[in-house]
Amino acid sequence: MAPMGPMTGGLPAWGRLSTSSKRLDPSWQFVDPEAAAPLDAKGAFETIAGNDPRPILLLRDCAHSEKDNSKVGAYLEDERVVLAMHWFHLVRVNKEVVKPEHPLHALFAEGAPHMMLLSGDGKERIPIALMPSSNALWGQMLKMLKREYKNSADESVTKWRMLLTEFDKLDKEYAKLVGDESRSGGEKAEGKLADRRASIEEKRAKLVSDERKLKDLGFKDPTAYEKLKGKAKDESWRDKLLGKPTPPDAPAQK
């Protein structure tokens, strides 16, 4: 993770354990099509959106990408911003998009901000200054999420952060259980450890279930789910939106 930078009102992710940390590691898709000619605005948007109906957080690389990435990395220290990224399709584009001949140049015909928020239908865009405070970025993200989803992202992030704390507690319980198992002896001790393991597994299942429910904000666009589902024959398509269930790290069986 990039070194910590100055922020305003940030909520740091320091001290999170393994399970929570997995939720705080956003994944970007790099889009760089090899079209023969520049696309129009509609074609350029459809290229970066693909079949993902989520709003887009677009990051443009530039000549100073290494320095800029370090700055953008500072946002990853703010849990609100990182968790809210789950409701965006995170897209990065080549620094060459500023050139008129680039296939995706139409996305930047009205200016070339380093970051931009785009609605799921491409009709609304929010250019973002290179390094706003994390509070400013958070506010713009909430504005777009309110447009796109039925439920409050602000409330869901607050609840999600509480779940991360519970995941941290569970990770500590697992770590202690592993240590106790390595030192256990006798049937009575084994029985107590088995009961503890069962209790931890029950808590784990409940947390994962609660997490998936709060992550589903519900699209306002009724066609979005069908777009996401596509030709899938089962409900696995939801993992693209909600993420595959990622349980806490379980201790190895003795």
C-alpha atoms as a PDB file:
ATOM      1  CA  MET A   1       0.000   0.000   0.000  1.00  0.00           C
ATOM      2  CA  ALA A   2       1.211   3.502  -0.814  1.00  0.00           C
ATOM      3  CA  PRO A   3       2.578   5.689   1.974  1.00  0.00           C
ATOM      4  CA  MET A   4       0.050   7.666   3.919  1.00  0.00           C
ATOM      5  CA  GLY A   5      -0.648  11.156   2.532  1.00  0.00           C
ATOM      6  CA  PRO A   6      -2.475  14.158   3.966  1.00  0.00           C
ATOM      7  CA  MET A   7      -6.231  13.719   4.200  1.00  0.00           C
ATOM      8  CA  THR A   8      -9.166  15.556   5.688  1.00  0.00           C
ATOM      9  CA  GLY A   9     -11.569  13.628   7.866  1.00  0.00           C
ATOM     10  CA  GLY A  10     -10.248  10.256   6.755  1.00  0.00           C
ATOM     11  CA  LEU A  11     -11.100   7.001   8.452  1.00  0.00           C
ATOM     12  CA  PRO A  12      -7.798   5.061   8.507  1.00  0.00           C
ATOM     13  CA  ALA A  13      -7.620   1.329   7.878  1.00  0.00           C
ATOM     14  CA  TRP A  14      -4.655   0.847  10.171  1.00  0.00           C
ATOM     15  CA  GLY A  15      -4.615  -2.340  12.189  1.00  0.00           C
ATOM     16  CA  ARG A  16      -7.127  -4.321  10.145  1.00  0.00           C
ATOM     17  CA  LEU A  17      -6.467  -8.044  10.116  1.00  0.00           C
ATOM     18  CA  SER A  18      -6.437 -10.547   7.275  1.00  0.00           C
ATOM     19  CA  THR A  19     -10.146 -10.899   6.518  1.00  0.00           C
ATOM     20  CA  SER A  20     -10.853  -7.170   6.637  1.00  0.00           C
ATOM     21  CA  SER A  21      -7.754  -6.391   4.586  1.00  0.00           C
ATOM     22  CA  LYS A  22      -9.117  -8.492   1.739  1.00  0.00           C
ATOM     23  CA  ARG A  23     -12.108  -6.131   1.612  1.00  0.00           C
ATOM     24  CA  LEU A  24      -9.788  -3.128   1.459  1.00  0.00           C
ATOM     25  CA  ASP A  25      -7.869  -4.088  -1.679  1.00  0.00           C
ATOM     26  CA  PRO A  26      -9.737  -2.702  -4.732  1.00  0.00           C
ATOM     27  CA  SER A  27      -9.184  -4.223  -8.166  1.00  0.00           C
ATOM     28  CA  TRP A  28      -8.883  -2.040 -11.282  1.00  0.00           C
ATOM     29  CA  GLN A  29      -9.554  -3.048 -14.877  1.00  0.00           C
ATOM     30  CA  PHE A  30      -7.155  -1.587 -17.440  1.00  0.00           C
ATOM     31  CA  VAL A  31      -8.927  -0.834 -20.728  1.00  0.00           C
ATOM     32  CA  ASP A  32      -6.846  -0.081 -23.817  1.00  0.00           C
ATOM     33  CA  PRO A  33      -8.706  -1.129 -27.002  1.00  0.00           C
ATOM     34  CA  GLU A  34      -6.954  -1.599 -30.337  1.00  0.00           C
ATOM     35  CA  ALA A  35      -9.588   0.094 -32.464  1.00  0.00           C
ATOM     36  CA  ALA A  36      -8.552   1.263 -35.930  1.00  0.00           C
ATOM     37  CA  ALA A  37     -10.096   4.699 -35.424  1.00  0.00           C
ATOM     38  CA  PRO A  38     -11.323   6.869 -32.547  1.00  0.00           C
ATOM     39  CA  LEU A  39     -14.706   5.818 -31.199  1.00  0.00           C
ATOM     40  CA  ASP A  40     -17.587   8.210 -30.731  1.00  0.00           C
ATOM     41  CA  ALA A  41     -18.682   9.087 -27.185  1.00  0.00           C
ATOM     42  CA  LYS A  42     -21.242   6.265 -27.041  1.00  0.00           C
ATOM     43  CA  GLY A  43     -18.816   3.672 -28.358  1.00  0.00           C
ATOM     44  CA  ALA A  44     -16.039   4.791 -26.015  1.00  0.00           C
ATOM     45  CA  PHE A  45     -18.323   4.557 -22.995  1.00  0.00           C
ATOM     46  CA  GLU A  46     -19.628   1.133 -23.989  1.00  0.00           C
ATOM     47  CA  THR A  47     -16.050  -0.072 -24.396  1.00  0.00           C
ATOM     48  CA  ILE A  48     -15.032   0.797 -20.847  1.00  0.00           C
ATOM     49  CA  ALA A  49     -18.385  -0.236 -19.331  1.00  0.00           C
ATOM     50  CA  GLY A  50     -18.630  -3.671 -20.916  1.00  0.00           C
ATOM     51  CA  ASN A  51     -21.535  -5.590 -19.404  1.00  0.00           C
ATOM     52  CA  ASP A  52     -21.014  -4.066 -15.964  1.00  0.00           C
ATOM     53  CA  PRO A  53     -23.975  -1.808 -15.031  1.00  0.00           C
ATOM     54  CA  ARG A  54     -22.263  -0.166 -12.061  1.00  0.00           C
ATOM     55  CA  PRO A  55     -21.240   3.486 -12.244  1.00  0.00           C
ATOM     56  CA  ILE A  56     -17.610   3.923 -13.270  1.00  0.00           C
ATOM     57  CA  LEU A  57     -14.696   5.393 -11.364  1.00  0.00           C
ATOM     58  CA  LEU A  58     -12.308   6.224 -14.191  1.00  0.00           C
ATOM     59  CA  LEU A  59      -8.614   6.849 -13.606  1.00  0.00           C
ATOM     60  CA  ARG A  60      -6.458   8.269 -16.399  1.00  0.00           C
ATOM     61  CA  ASP A  61      -2.779   7.456 -16.370  1.00  0.00           C
ATOM     62  CA  CYS A  62      -0.392  10.244 -17.273  1.00  0.00           C
ATOM     63  CA  ALA A  63       3.303  10.976 -17.752  1.00  0.00           C
ATOM     64  CA  HIS A  64       3.695  11.206 -13.989  1.00  0.00           C
ATOM     65  CA  SER A  65       1.724   8.017 -13.271  1.00  0.00           C
ATOM     66  CA  GLU A  66       4.126   6.685 -10.625  1.00  0.00           C
ATOM     67  CA  LYS A  67       3.856   9.891  -8.614  1.00  0.00           C
ATOM     68  CA  ASP A  68       0.108  10.142  -9.178  1.00  0.00           C
ATOM     69  CA  ASN A  69      -0.443   6.503  -8.199  1.00  0.00           C
ATOM     70  CA  SER A  70       1.260   7.229  -4.897  1.00  0.00           C
ATOM     71  CA  LYS A  71      -1.133  10.120  -4.355  1.00  0.00           C
ATOM     72  CA  VAL A  72      -4.182   8.101  -5.347  1.00  0.00           C
ATOM     73  CA  GLY A  73      -2.924   5.338  -3.064  1.00  0.00           C
ATOM     74  CA  ALA A  74      -3.396   7.720  -0.151  1.00  0.00           C
ATOM     75  CA  TYR A  75      -7.159   7.337  -0.625  1.00  0.00           C
ATOM     76  CA  LEU A  76      -6.774   3.647   0.117  1.00  0.00           C
ATOM     77  CA  GLU A  77      -6.099   4.620   3.715  1.00  0.00           C
ATOM     78  CA  ASP A  78      -9.683   5.872   3.979  1.00  0.00           C
ATOM     79  CA  GLU A  79     -12.017   2.950   4.590  1.00  0.00           C
ATOM     80  CA  ARG A  80     -15.075   4.874   3.436  1.00  0.00           C
ATOM     81  CA  VAL A  81     -13.583   5.459  -0.008  1.00  0.00           C
ATOM     82  CA  VAL A  82     -12.234   1.927  -0.449  1.00  0.00           C
ATOM     83  CA  LEU A  83     -15.450   0.219   0.622  1.00  0.00           C
ATOM     84  CA  ALA A  84     -17.538   2.505  -1.600  1.00  0.00           C
ATOM     85  CA  MET A  85     -15.329   1.487  -4.536  1.00  0.00           C
ATOM     86  CA  HIS A  86     -17.067  -1.899  -4.435  1.00  0.00           C
ATOM     87  CA  TRP A  87     -20.156  -0.225  -5.930  1.00  0.00           C
ATOM     88  CA  PHE A  88     -18.157   1.231  -8.815  1.00  0.00           C
ATOM     89  CA  HIS A  89     -16.606  -0.389 -11.855  1.00  0.00           C
ATOM     90  CA  LEU A  90     -12.964   0.674 -11.434  1.00  0.00           C
ATOM     91  CA  VAL A  91     -11.399   1.444 -14.802  1.00  0.00           C
ATOM     92  CA  ARG A  92      -7.953   2.737 -15.741  1.00  0.00           C
ATOM     93  CA  VAL A  93      -7.068   4.036 -19.193  1.00  0.00           C
ATOM     94  CA  ASN A  94      -3.804   4.729 -20.992  1.00  0.00           C
ATOM     95  CA  LYS A  95      -2.186   8.168 -20.797  1.00  0.00           C
ATOM     96  CA  GLU A  96      -2.477   8.353 -24.603  1.00  0.00           C
ATOM     97  CA  VAL A  97      -6.254   8.956 -24.356  1.00  0.00           C
ATOM     98  CA  VAL A  98      -5.584  12.706 -24.398  1.00  0.00           C
ATOM     99  CA  LYS A  99      -4.518  12.377 -28.049  1.00  0.00           C
ATOM    100  CA  PRO A 100      -7.356  12.850 -30.594  1.00  0.00           C
ATOM    101  CA  GLU A 101      -6.379   9.688 -32.462  1.00  0.00           C
ATOM    102  CA  HIS A 102      -6.793   7.413 -29.403  1.00  0.00           C
ATOM    103  CA  PRO A 103      -9.904   5.136 -29.536  1.00  0.00           C
ATOM    104  CA  LEU A 104     -11.164   6.421 -26.168  1.00  0.00           C
ATOM    105  CA  HIS A 105     -10.373  10.098 -26.649  1.00  0.00           C
ATOM    106  CA  ALA A 106     -14.087  10.975 -26.798  1.00  0.00           C
ATOM    107  CA  LEU A 107     -14.300  10.306 -23.057  1.00  0.00           C
ATOM    108  CA  PHE A 108     -12.044  13.318 -22.527  1.00  0.00           C
ATOM    109  CA  ALA A 109     -13.286  15.598 -25.281  1.00  0.00           C
ATOM    110  CA  GLU A 110     -14.593  18.046 -22.653  1.00  0.00           C
ATOM    111  CA  GLY A 111     -11.398  18.028 -20.621  1.00  0.00           C
ATOM    112  CA  ALA A 112      -8.847  15.554 -19.312  1.00  0.00           C
ATOM    113  CA  PRO A 113      -9.216  15.129 -15.548  1.00  0.00           C
ATOM    114  CA  HIS A 114      -7.158  12.403 -13.935  1.00  0.00           C
ATOM    115  CA  MET A 115     -10.244  10.960 -12.252  1.00  0.00           C
ATOM    116  CA  MET A 116     -13.879  10.923 -13.294  1.00  0.00           C
ATOM    117  CA  LEU A 117     -17.142   9.409 -12.095  1.00  0.00           C
ATOM    118  CA  LEU A 118     -19.563   8.207 -14.779  1.00  0.00           C
ATOM    119  CA  SER A 119     -23.122   7.023 -14.256  1.00  0.00           C
ATOM    120  CA  GLY A 120     -24.039   3.491 -15.267  1.00  0.00           C
ATOM    121  CA  ASP A 121     -25.763   4.782 -18.400  1.00  0.00           C
ATOM    122  CA  GLY A 122     -22.976   7.214 -19.223  1.00  0.00           C
ATOM    123  CA  LYS A 123     -25.291  10.237 -19.168  1.00  0.00           C
ATOM    124  CA  GLU A 124     -23.765  11.921 -16.130  1.00  0.00           C
ATOM    125  CA  ARG A 125     -20.102  12.585 -15.440  1.00  0.00           C
ATOM    126  CA  ILE A 126     -18.350  14.179 -12.485  1.00  0.00           C
ATOM    127  CA  PRO A 127     -14.778  15.290 -13.234  1.00  0.00           C
ATOM    128  CA  ILE A 128     -12.568  15.096 -10.140  1.00  0.00           C
ATOM    129  CA  ALA A 129      -9.560  17.300  -9.399  1.00  0.00           C
ATOM    130  CA  LEU A 130      -6.262  15.421  -9.263  1.00  0.00           C
ATOM    131  CA  MET A 131      -5.941  15.449  -5.486  1.00  0.00           C
ATOM    132  CA  PRO A 132      -9.100  16.512  -3.671  1.00  0.00           C
ATOM    133  CA  SER A 133      -9.326  15.724   0.018  1.00  0.00           C
ATOM    134  CA  SER A 134     -10.687  12.289   0.817  1.00  0.00           C
ATOM    135  CA  ASN A 135     -13.780  14.039   2.182  1.00  0.00           C
ATOM    136  CA  ALA A 136     -14.317  15.740  -1.181  1.00  0.00           C
ATOM    137  CA  LEU A 137     -13.860  12.468  -3.103  1.00  0.00           C
ATOM    138  CA  TRP A 138     -16.157  10.678  -0.669  1.00  0.00           C
ATOM    139  CA  GLY A 139     -18.849  13.326  -1.181  1.00  0.00           C
ATOM    140  CA  GLN A 140     -18.700  13.011  -4.964  1.00  0.00           C
ATOM    141  CA  MET A 141     -18.851   9.231  -4.751  1.00  0.00           C
ATOM    142  CA  LEU A 142     -21.944   9.422  -2.535  1.00  0.00           C
ATOM    143  CA  LYS A 143     -23.598  11.785  -5.010  1.00  0.00           C
ATOM    144  CA  MET A 144     -23.157   9.280  -7.836  1.00  0.00           C
ATOM    145  CA  LEU A 145     -24.117   6.280  -5.711  1.00  0.00           C
ATOM    146  CA  LYS A 146     -27.324   8.024  -4.646  1.00  0.00           C
ATOM    147  CA  ARG A 147     -28.183   8.482  -8.317  1.00  0.00           C
ATOM    148  CA  GLU A 148     -27.558   4.832  -9.167  1.00  0.00           C
ATOM    149  CA  TYR A 149     -28.731   2.793  -6.171  1.00  0.00           C
ATOM    150  CA  LYS A 150     -31.868   2.535  -4.044  1.00  0.00           C
ATOM    151  CA  ASN A 151     -30.261   2.109  -0.629  1.00  0.00           C
ATOM    152  CA  SER A 152     -27.915   4.512   1.148  1.00  0.00           C
ATOM    153  CA  ALA A 153     -24.225   3.813   0.521  1.00  0.00           C
ATOM    154  CA  ASP A 154     -23.340   6.066   3.454  1.00  0.00           C
ATOM    155  CA  GLU A 155     -25.369   3.981   5.903  1.00  0.00           C
ATOM    156  CA  SER A 156     -24.136   0.725   4.384  1.00  0.00           C
ATOM    157  CA  VAL A 157     -20.472   1.760   4.680  1.00  0.00           C
ATOM    158  CA  THR A 158     -21.011   2.625   8.357  1.00  0.00           C
ATOM    159  CA  LYS A 159     -22.500  -0.823   8.974  1.00  0.00           C
ATOM    160  CA  TRP A 160     -19.833  -2.486   6.844  1.00  0.00           C
ATOM    161  CA  ARG A 161     -17.039  -0.943   8.906  1.00  0.00           C
ATOM    162  CA  MET A 162     -18.692  -2.364  12.009  1.00  0.00           C
ATOM    163  CA  LEU A 163     -18.678  -5.790  10.340  1.00  0.00           C
ATOM    164  CA  LEU A 164     -14.971  -5.402   9.577  1.00  0.00           C
ATOM    165  CA  THR A 165     -14.369  -4.905  13.272  1.00  0.00           C
ATOM    166  CA  GLU A 166     -16.270  -8.121  13.937  1.00  0.00           C
ATOM    167  CA  PHE A 167     -14.182  -9.911  11.306  1.00  0.00           C
ATOM    168  CA  ASP A 168     -11.056  -8.652  13.088  1.00  0.00           C
ATOM    169  CA  LYS A 169     -12.325 -10.081  16.361  1.00  0.00           C
ATOM    170  CA  LEU A 170     -13.027 -13.379  14.658  1.00  0.00           C
ATOM    171  CA  ASP A 171      -9.529 -13.481  13.165  1.00  0.00           C
ATOM    172  CA  LYS A 172      -8.136 -13.083  16.681  1.00  0.00           C
ATOM    173  CA  GLU A 173     -10.350 -15.913  17.927  1.00  0.00           C
ATOM    174  CA  TYR A 174      -9.065 -18.117  15.115  1.00  0.00           C
ATOM    175  CA  ALA A 175      -5.458 -17.292  15.905  1.00  0.00           C
ATOM    176  CA  LYS A 176      -5.957 -18.160  19.565  1.00  0.00           C
ATOM    177  CA  LEU A 177      -7.755 -21.369  18.631  1.00  0.00           C
ATOM    178  CA  VAL A 178      -4.852 -22.457  16.425  1.00  0.00           C
ATOM    179  CA  GLY A 179      -2.449 -21.917  19.289  1.00  0.00           C
ATOM    180  CA  ASP A 180      -4.643 -23.769  21.770  1.00  0.00           C
ATOM    181  CA  GLU A 181      -5.077 -26.667  19.360  1.00  0.00           C
ATOM    182  CA  SER A 182      -1.323 -27.034  19.006  1.00  0.00           C
ATOM    183  CA  ARG A 183      -0.989 -27.341  22.784  1.00  0.00           C
ATOM    184  CA  SER A 184      -4.115 -29.399  23.522  1.00  0.00           C
ATOM    185  CA  GLY A 185      -4.146 -32.864  25.014  1.00  0.00           C
ATOM    186  CA  GLY A 186      -6.830 -35.284  26.112  1.00  0.00           C
ATOM    187  CA  GLU A 187     -10.347 -35.951  24.906  1.00  0.00           C
ATOM    188  CA  LYS A 188     -11.924 -33.344  27.195  1.00  0.00           C
ATOM    189  CA  ALA A 189      -9.715 -30.604  25.812  1.00  0.00           C
ATOM    190  CA  GLU A 190     -10.366 -31.763  22.270  1.00  0.00           C
ATOM    191  CA  GLY A 191     -14.106 -31.577  22.885  1.00  0.00           C
ATOM    192  CA  LYS A 192     -13.918 -28.004  24.155  1.00  0.00           C
ATOM    193  CA  LEU A 193     -11.829 -26.968  21.173  1.00  0.00           C
ATOM    194  CA  ALA A 194     -14.343 -28.564  18.805  1.00  0.00           C
ATOM    195  CA  ASP A 195     -17.117 -26.544  20.450  1.00  0.00           C
ATOM    196  CA  ARG A 196     -15.100 -23.347  20.036  1.00  0.00           C
ATOM    197  CA  ARG A 197     -14.460 -24.171  16.398  1.00  0.00           C
ATOM    198  CA  ALA A 198     -18.167 -24.744  15.764  1.00  0.00           C
ATOM    199  CA  SER A 199     -19.008 -21.436  17.448  1.00  0.00           C
ATOM    200  CA  ILE A 200     -16.475 -19.563  15.315  1.00  0.00           C
ATOM    201  CA  GLU A 201     -17.785 -21.162  12.130  1.00  0.00           C
ATOM    202  CA  GLU A 202     -21.325 -20.110  13.058  1.00  0.00           C
ATOM    203  CA  LYS A 203     -20.216 -16.524  13.665  1.00  0.00           C
ATOM    204  CA  ARG A 204     -18.318 -16.550  10.391  1.00  0.00           C
ATOM    205  CA  ALA A 205     -21.345 -17.671   8.381  1.00  0.00           C
ATOM    206  CA  LYS A 206     -23.516 -14.984   9.986  1.00  0.00           C
ATOM    207  CA  LEU A 207     -21.015 -12.205   9.255  1.00  0.00           C
ATOM    208  CA  VAL A 208     -20.582 -13.245   5.610  1.00  0.00           C
ATOM    209  CA  SER A 209     -24.361 -13.392   5.156  1.00  0.00           C
ATOM    210  CA  ASP A 210     -24.871  -9.974   6.742  1.00  0.00           C
ATOM    211  CA  GLU A 211     -22.096  -8.513   4.609  1.00  0.00           C
ATOM    212  CA  ARG A 212     -23.586  -9.679   1.332  1.00  0.00           C
ATOM    213  CA  LYS A 213     -26.977  -8.249   2.274  1.00  0.00           C
ATOM    214  CA  LEU A 214     -25.666  -4.778   3.076  1.00  0.00           C
ATOM    215  CA  LYS A 215     -23.501  -4.739  -0.075  1.00  0.00           C
ATOM    216  CA  ASP A 216     -26.577  -5.166  -2.268  1.00  0.00           C
ATOM    217  CA  LEU A 217     -27.772  -1.550  -2.529  1.00  0.00           C
ATOM    218  CA  GLY A 218     -30.219  -2.362  -5.321  1.00  0.00           C
ATOM    219  CA  PHE A 219     -30.000  -0.716  -8.736  1.00  0.00           C
ATOM    220  CA  LYS A 220     -32.551   1.985  -9.507  1.00  0.00           C
ATOM    221  CA  ASP A 221     -32.372   0.949 -13.162  1.00  0.00           C
ATOM    222  CA  PRO A 222     -34.569  -2.199 -13.404  1.00  0.00           C
ATOM    223  CA  THR A 223     -32.647  -3.415 -16.456  1.00  0.00           C
ATOM    224  CA  ALA A 224     -29.264  -3.336 -14.700  1.00  0.00           C
ATOM    225  CA  TYR A 225     -29.599  -6.769 -13.121  1.00  0.00           C
ATOM    226  CA  GLU A 226     -30.489  -8.359 -16.449  1.00  0.00           C
ATOM    227  CA  LYS A 227     -27.495  -6.688 -18.060  1.00  0.00           C
ATOM    228  CA  LEU A 228     -25.272  -8.070 -15.332  1.00  0.00           C
ATOM    229  CA  LYS A 229     -26.843 -11.515 -15.402  1.00  0.00           C
ATOM    230  CA  GLY A 230     -26.424 -11.868 -19.146  1.00  0.00           C
ATOM    231  CA  LYS A 231     -26.503 -15.506 -20.210  1.00  0.00           C
ATOM    232  CA  ALA A 232     -25.576 -16.921 -16.811  1.00  0.00           C
ATOM    233  CA  LYS A 233     -27.580 -20.020 -15.971  1.00  0.00           C
ATOM    234  CA  ASP A 234     -27.302 -19.654 -12.194  1.00  0.00           C
ATOM    235  CA  GLU A 235     -26.950 -16.943  -9.560  1.00  0.00           C
ATOM    236  CA  SER A 236     -23.153 -16.820  -9.745  1.00  0.00           C
ATOM    237  CA  TRP A 237     -23.485 -13.600 -11.764  1.00  0.00           C
ATOM    238  CA  ARG A 238     -24.278 -11.795  -8.492  1.00  0.00           C
ATOM    239  CA  ASP A 239     -20.701 -12.368  -7.380  1.00  0.00           C
ATOM    240  CA  LYS A 240     -19.615  -9.782  -9.930  1.00  0.00           C
ATOM    241  CA  LEU A 241     -21.602  -7.182  -8.030  1.00  0.00           C
ATOM    242  CA  LEU A 242     -21.452  -8.451  -4.468  1.00  0.00           C
ATOM    243  CA  GLY A 243     -18.119 -10.234  -4.627  1.00  0.00           C
ATOM    244  CA  LYS A 244     -17.669 -13.906  -3.895  1.00  0.00           C
ATOM    245  CA  PRO A 245     -18.118 -14.727  -0.221  1.00  0.00           C
ATOM    246  CA  THR A 246     -14.701 -14.439   1.375  1.00  0.00           C
ATOM    247  CA  PRO A 247     -14.754 -16.119   4.795  1.00  0.00           C
ATOM    248  CA  PRO A 248     -12.183 -15.389   7.465  1.00  0.00           C
ATOM    249  CA  ASP A 249      -9.035 -17.470   7.336  1.00  0.00           C
ATOM    250  CA  ALA A 250      -9.891 -20.765   8.979  1.00  0.00           C
ATOM    251  CA  PRO A 251      -7.317 -22.561  11.102  1.00  0.00           C
ATOM    252  CA  ALA A 252      -6.064 -25.867   9.831  1.00  0.00           C
ATOM    253  CA  GLN A 253      -7.648 -28.977  11.267  1.00  0.00           C
ATOM    254  CA  LYS A 254      -5.418 -30.974  13.561  1.00  0.00           C
END
